[in-house]
């Protein structure tokens, strides 16, 4: 697998694990769901923050 697809593939795997955990049960499964589904969300938020127009370049 090329380097370009590693991060999107990892985010896809985390999403599938999180969605499966949401279906499987309560308690620990809920924590696993929240943890795995928050990683892709955080990655998107960081990417949007870095590309936001009008933000000074670092």
PDB file of N, CA and C in Angstrom:
ATOM      1  N   UNK A   1       0.856  -1.182   0.000  1.00  0.00           N
ATOM      2  CA  UNK A   1       0.000   0.000   0.000  1.00  0.00           C
ATOM      3  C   UNK A   1       0.895   1.237   0.000  1.00  0.00           C
ATOM      4  N   UNK A   2       0.575   2.184  -0.843  1.00  0.00           N
ATOM      5  CA  UNK A   2       1.398   3.383  -0.924  1.00  0.00           C
ATOM      6  C   UNK A   2       1.180   4.269   0.291  1.00  0.00           C
ATOM      7  N   UNK A   3       2.100   5.183   0.533  1.00  0.00           N
ATOM      8  CA  UNK A   3       2.025   6.073   1.677  1.00  0.00           C
ATOM      9  C   UNK A   3       0.828   6.996   1.653  1.00  0.00           C
ATOM     10  N   UNK A   4       0.300   7.270   0.466  1.00  0.00           N
ATOM     11  CA  UNK A   4      -0.836   8.179   0.339  1.00  0.00           C
ATOM     12  C   UNK A   4      -2.084   7.585   0.994  1.00  0.00           C
ATOM     13  N   UNK A   5      -2.236   6.283   0.964  1.00  0.00           N
ATOM     14  CA  UNK A   5      -3.461   5.637   1.433  1.00  0.00           C
ATOM     15  C   UNK A   5      -3.391   5.156   2.874  1.00  0.00           C
ATOM     16  N   UNK A   6      -2.272   5.284   3.545  1.00  0.00           N
ATOM     17  CA  UNK A   6      -2.149   4.755   4.909  1.00  0.00           C
ATOM     18  C   UNK A   6      -3.055   5.472   5.901  1.00  0.00           C
ATOM     19  N   UNK A   7      -3.049   6.790   5.911  1.00  0.00           N
ATOM     20  CA  UNK A   7      -3.865   7.546   6.865  1.00  0.00           C
ATOM     21  C   UNK A   7      -5.356   7.363   6.577  1.00  0.00           C
ATOM     22  N   UNK A   8      -5.826   7.533   5.332  1.00  0.00           N
ATOM     23  CA  UNK A   8      -7.251   7.291   5.077  1.00  0.00           C
ATOM     24  C   UNK A   8      -7.682   5.861   5.404  1.00  0.00           C
ATOM     25  N   UNK A   9      -6.822   4.897   5.134  1.00  0.00           N
ATOM     26  CA  UNK A   9      -7.163   3.510   5.463  1.00  0.00           C
ATOM     27  C   UNK A   9      -7.253   3.316   6.972  1.00  0.00           C
ATOM     28  N   UNK A  10      -6.344   3.922   7.716  1.00  0.00           N
ATOM     29  CA  UNK A  10      -6.379   3.818   9.179  1.00  0.00           C
ATOM     30  C   UNK A  10      -7.639   4.482   9.737  1.00  0.00           C
ATOM     31  N   UNK A  11      -8.012   5.634   9.184  1.00  0.00           N
ATOM     32  CA  UNK A  11      -9.237   6.305   9.631  1.00  0.00           C
ATOM     33  C   UNK A  11     -10.474   5.473   9.294  1.00  0.00           C
ATOM     34  N   UNK A  12     -10.456   4.811   8.153  1.00  0.00           N
ATOM     35  CA  UNK A  12     -11.583   3.949   7.779  1.00  0.00           C
ATOM     36  C   UNK A  12     -11.693   2.754   8.729  1.00  0.00           C
ATOM     37  N   UNK A  13     -10.565   2.155   9.077  1.00  0.00           N
ATOM     38  CA  UNK A  13     -10.578   1.019  10.006  1.00  0.00           C
ATOM     39  C   UNK A  13     -11.086   1.454  11.372  1.00  0.00           C
ATOM     40  N   UNK A  14     -10.624   2.611  11.852  1.00  0.00           N
ATOM     41  CA  UNK A  14     -11.104   3.121  13.137  1.00  0.00           C
ATOM     42  C   UNK A  14     -12.605   3.382  13.103  1.00  0.00           C
ATOM     43  N   UNK A  15     -13.098   3.902  11.989  1.00  0.00           N
ATOM     44  CA  UNK A  15     -14.541   4.158  11.859  1.00  0.00           C
ATOM     45  C   UNK A  15     -15.342   2.863  11.906  1.00  0.00           C
ATOM     46  N   UNK A  16     -14.870   1.849  11.204  1.00  0.00           N
ATOM     47  CA  UNK A  16     -15.572   0.564  11.195  1.00  0.00           C
ATOM     48  C   UNK A  16     -15.564  -0.062  12.587  1.00  0.00           C
ATOM     49  N   UNK A  17     -14.431   0.005  13.273  1.00  0.00           N
ATOM     50  CA  UNK A  17     -14.353  -0.533  14.636  1.00  0.00           C
ATOM     51  C   UNK A  17     -15.310   0.227  15.551  1.00  0.00           C
ATOM     52  N   UNK A  18     -15.339   1.546  15.424  1.00  0.00           N
ATOM     53  CA  UNK A  18     -16.221   2.349  16.260  1.00  0.00           C
ATOM     54  C   UNK A  18     -17.687   2.073  16.000  1.00  0.00           C
ATOM     55  N   UNK A  19     -18.061   1.927  14.750  1.00  0.00           N
ATOM     56  CA  UNK A  19     -19.454   1.636  14.426  1.00  0.00           C
ATOM     57  C   UNK A  19     -19.854   0.234  14.885  1.00  0.00           C
ATOM     58  N   UNK A  20     -18.944  -0.716  14.749  1.00  0.00           N
ATOM     59  CA  UNK A  20     -19.224  -2.069  15.237  1.00  0.00           C
ATOM     60  C   UNK A  20     -19.363  -2.075  16.754  1.00  0.00           C
ATOM     61  N   UNK A  21     -18.517  -1.321  17.443  1.00  0.00           N
ATOM     62  CA  UNK A  21     -18.603  -1.249  18.899  1.00  0.00           C
ATOM     63  C   UNK A  21     -19.923  -0.623  19.336  1.00  0.00           C
ATOM     64  N   UNK A  22     -20.421   0.342  18.576  1.00  0.00           N
ATOM     65  CA  UNK A  22     -21.699   0.975  18.912  1.00  0.00           C
ATOM     66  C   UNK A  22     -22.851  -0.018  18.805  1.00  0.00           C
ATOM     67  N   UNK A  23     -22.745  -0.951  17.895  1.00  0.00           N
ATOM     68  CA  UNK A  23     -23.803  -1.935  17.701  1.00  0.00           C
ATOM     69  C   UNK A  23     -23.712  -3.070  18.730  1.00  0.00           C
ATOM     70  N   UNK A  24     -22.498  -3.417  19.144  1.00  0.00           N
ATOM     71  CA  UNK A  24     -22.290  -4.616  19.948  1.00  0.00           C
ATOM     72  C   UNK A  24     -22.790  -4.534  21.381  1.00  0.00           C
ATOM     73  N   UNK A  25     -22.701  -3.405  22.036  1.00  0.00           N
ATOM     74  CA  UNK A  25     -23.137  -3.417  23.423  1.00  0.00           C
ATOM     75  C   UNK A  25     -22.954  -2.095  24.132  1.00  0.00           C
ATOM     76  N   UNK A  26     -23.019  -2.182  25.461  1.00  0.00           N
ATOM     77  CA  UNK A  26     -22.919  -1.006  26.319  1.00  0.00           C
ATOM     78  C   UNK A  26     -21.679  -1.111  27.201  1.00  0.00           C
ATOM     79  N   UNK A  27     -21.480  -0.076  28.014  1.00  0.00           N
ATOM     80  CA  UNK A  27     -20.354  -0.072  28.948  1.00  0.00           C
ATOM     81  C   UNK A  27     -19.043   0.181  28.237  1.00  0.00           C
ATOM     82  N   UNK A  28     -18.166  -0.811  28.265  1.00  0.00           N
ATOM     83  CA  UNK A  28     -16.854  -0.687  27.629  1.00  0.00           C
ATOM     84  C   UNK A  28     -16.985  -0.458  26.124  1.00  0.00           C
ATOM     85  N   UNK A  29     -17.988  -1.064  25.514  1.00  0.00           N
ATOM     86  CA  UNK A  29     -18.205  -0.890  24.079  1.00  0.00           C
ATOM     87  C   UNK A  29     -18.492   0.578  23.740  1.00  0.00           C
ATOM     88  N   UNK A  30     -19.242   1.257  24.616  1.00  0.00           N
ATOM     89  CA  UNK A  30     -19.525   2.678  24.385  1.00  0.00           C
ATOM     90  C   UNK A  30     -18.243   3.500  24.409  1.00  0.00           C
ATOM     91  N   UNK A  31     -17.371   3.210  25.357  1.00  0.00           N
ATOM     92  CA  UNK A  31     -16.095   3.934  25.436  1.00  0.00           C
ATOM     93  C   UNK A  31     -15.243   3.668  24.206  1.00  0.00           C
ATOM     94  N   UNK A  32     -15.213   2.422  23.751  1.00  0.00           N
ATOM     95  CA  UNK A  32     -14.465   2.080  22.545  1.00  0.00           C
ATOM     96  C   UNK A  32     -15.043   2.812  21.339  1.00  0.00           C
ATOM     97  N   UNK A  33     -16.359   2.873  21.262  1.00  0.00           N
ATOM     98  CA  UNK A  33     -17.036   3.578  20.169  1.00  0.00           C
ATOM     99  C   UNK A  33     -16.648   5.053  20.154  1.00  0.00           C
ATOM    100  N   UNK A  34     -16.766   5.721  21.308  1.00  0.00           N
ATOM    101  CA  UNK A  34     -16.439   7.141  21.388  1.00  0.00           C
ATOM    102  C   UNK A  34     -14.976   7.390  21.051  1.00  0.00           C
ATOM    103  N   UNK A  35     -14.097   6.557  21.550  1.00  0.00           N
ATOM    104  CA  UNK A  35     -12.656   6.753  21.320  1.00  0.00           C
ATOM    105  C   UNK A  35     -12.308   6.590  19.841  1.00  0.00           C
ATOM    106  N   UNK A  36     -12.803   5.523  19.221  1.00  0.00           N
ATOM    107  CA  UNK A  36     -12.427   5.270  17.828  1.00  0.00           C
ATOM    108  C   UNK A  36     -13.103   6.230  16.850  1.00  0.00           C
ATOM    109  N   UNK A  37     -14.327   6.659  17.143  1.00  0.00           N
ATOM    110  CA  UNK A  37     -15.001   7.590  16.238  1.00  0.00           C
ATOM    111  C   UNK A  37     -14.542   9.035  16.426  1.00  0.00           C
ATOM    112  N   UNK A  38     -13.914   9.333  17.551  1.00  0.00           N
ATOM    113  CA  UNK A  38     -13.434  10.699  17.757  1.00  0.00           C
ATOM    114  C   UNK A  38     -12.121  10.964  17.014  1.00  0.00           C
ATOM    115  N   UNK A  39     -11.353   9.931  16.722  1.00  0.00           N
ATOM    116  CA  UNK A  39     -10.072  10.126  16.027  1.00  0.00           C
ATOM    117  C   UNK A  39     -10.271  10.666  14.606  1.00  0.00           C
ATOM    118  N   UNK A  40     -11.141  10.064  13.760  1.00  0.00           N
ATOM    119  CA  UNK A  40     -11.366  10.655  12.435  1.00  0.00           C
ATOM    120  C   UNK A  40     -11.964  12.057  12.503  1.00  0.00           C
ATOM    121  N   UNK A  41     -12.839  12.284  13.468  1.00  0.00           N
ATOM    122  CA  UNK A  41     -13.419  13.608  13.639  1.00  0.00           C
ATOM    123  C   UNK A  41     -12.338  14.638  13.997  1.00  0.00           C
ATOM    124  N   UNK A  42     -11.457  14.278  14.895  1.00  0.00           N
ATOM    125  CA  UNK A  42     -10.363  15.174  15.285  1.00  0.00           C
ATOM    126  C   UNK A  42      -9.410  15.416  14.110  1.00  0.00           C
ATOM    127  N   UNK A  43      -9.140  14.390  13.322  1.00  0.00           N
ATOM    128  CA  UNK A  43      -8.258  14.551  12.158  1.00  0.00           C
ATOM    129  C   UNK A  43      -8.876  15.518  11.148  1.00  0.00           C
ATOM    130  N   UNK A  44     -10.180  15.422  10.923  1.00  0.00           N
ATOM    131  CA  UNK A  44     -10.856  16.353  10.018  1.00  0.00           C
ATOM    132  C   UNK A  44     -10.838  17.772  10.570  1.00  0.00           C
ATOM    133  N   UNK A  45     -11.042  17.918  11.875  1.00  0.00           N
ATOM    134  CA  UNK A  45     -11.028  19.247  12.487  1.00  0.00           C
ATOM    135  C   UNK A  45      -9.653  19.891  12.375  1.00  0.00           C
ATOM    136  N   UNK A  46      -8.606  19.127  12.595  1.00  0.00           N
ATOM    137  CA  UNK A  46      -7.238  19.660  12.473  1.00  0.00           C
ATOM    138  C   UNK A  46      -6.965  20.071  11.034  1.00  0.00           C
ATOM    139  N   UNK A  47      -7.362  19.238  10.090  1.00  0.00           N
ATOM    140  CA  UNK A  47      -7.141  19.554   8.668  1.00  0.00           C
ATOM    141  C   UNK A  47      -7.892  20.832   8.266  1.00  0.00           C
ATOM    142  N   UNK A  48      -9.147  20.962   8.704  1.00  0.00           N
ATOM    143  CA  UNK A  48      -9.915  22.168   8.393  1.00  0.00           C
ATOM    144  C   UNK A  48      -9.301  23.398   9.053  1.00  0.00           C
ATOM    145  N   UNK A  49      -8.842  23.250  10.291  1.00  0.00           N
ATOM    146  CA  UNK A  49      -8.228  24.376  11.004  1.00  0.00           C
ATOM    147  C   UNK A  49      -6.980  24.864  10.279  1.00  0.00           C
ATOM    148  N   UNK A  50      -6.181  23.946   9.765  1.00  0.00           N
ATOM    149  CA  UNK A  50      -4.944  24.326   9.064  1.00  0.00           C
ATOM    150  C   UNK A  50      -5.228  24.985   7.721  1.00  0.00           C
ATOM    151  N   UNK A  51      -6.350  24.658   7.095  1.00  0.00           N
ATOM    152  CA  UNK A  51      -6.667  25.206   5.777  1.00  0.00           C
ATOM    153  C   UNK A  51      -7.625  26.382   5.840  1.00  0.00           C
ATOM    154  N   UNK A  52      -8.043  26.807   7.020  1.00  0.00           N
ATOM    155  CA  UNK A  52      -9.040  27.862   7.151  1.00  0.00           C
ATOM    156  C   UNK A  52      -8.527  29.152   6.516  1.00  0.00           C
ATOM    157  N   UNK A  53      -9.332  29.784   5.651  1.00  0.00           N
ATOM    158  CA  UNK A  53      -8.887  31.029   5.007  1.00  0.00           C
ATOM    159  C   UNK A  53      -8.759  32.176   6.024  1.00  0.00           C
ATOM    160  N   UNK A  54      -7.779  33.009   5.809  1.00  0.00           N
ATOM    161  CA  UNK A  54      -7.575  34.157   6.677  1.00  0.00           C
ATOM    162  C   UNK A  54      -6.745  33.853   7.903  1.00  0.00           C
ATOM    163  N   UNK A  55      -6.406  32.594   8.094  1.00  0.00           N
ATOM    164  CA  UNK A  55      -5.564  32.210   9.224  1.00  0.00           C
ATOM    165  C   UNK A  55      -4.113  32.490   8.859  1.00  0.00           C
ATOM    166  N   UNK A  56      -3.343  33.148   9.728  1.00  0.00           N
ATOM    167  CA  UNK A  56      -1.955  33.447   9.391  1.00  0.00           C
ATOM    168  C   UNK A  56      -1.125  32.157   9.251  1.00  0.00           C
ATOM    169  N   UNK A  57      -0.220  32.158   8.312  1.00  0.00           N
ATOM    170  CA  UNK A  57       0.632  31.011   8.080  1.00  0.00           C
ATOM    171  C   UNK A  57       1.614  30.837   9.229  1.00  0.00           C
ATOM    172  N   UNK A  58       1.829  29.598   9.613  1.00  0.00           N
ATOM    173  CA  UNK A  58       2.745  29.319  10.727  1.00  0.00           C
ATOM    174  C   UNK A  58       4.173  29.231  10.262  1.00  0.00           C
TER     175      UNK A  58
END
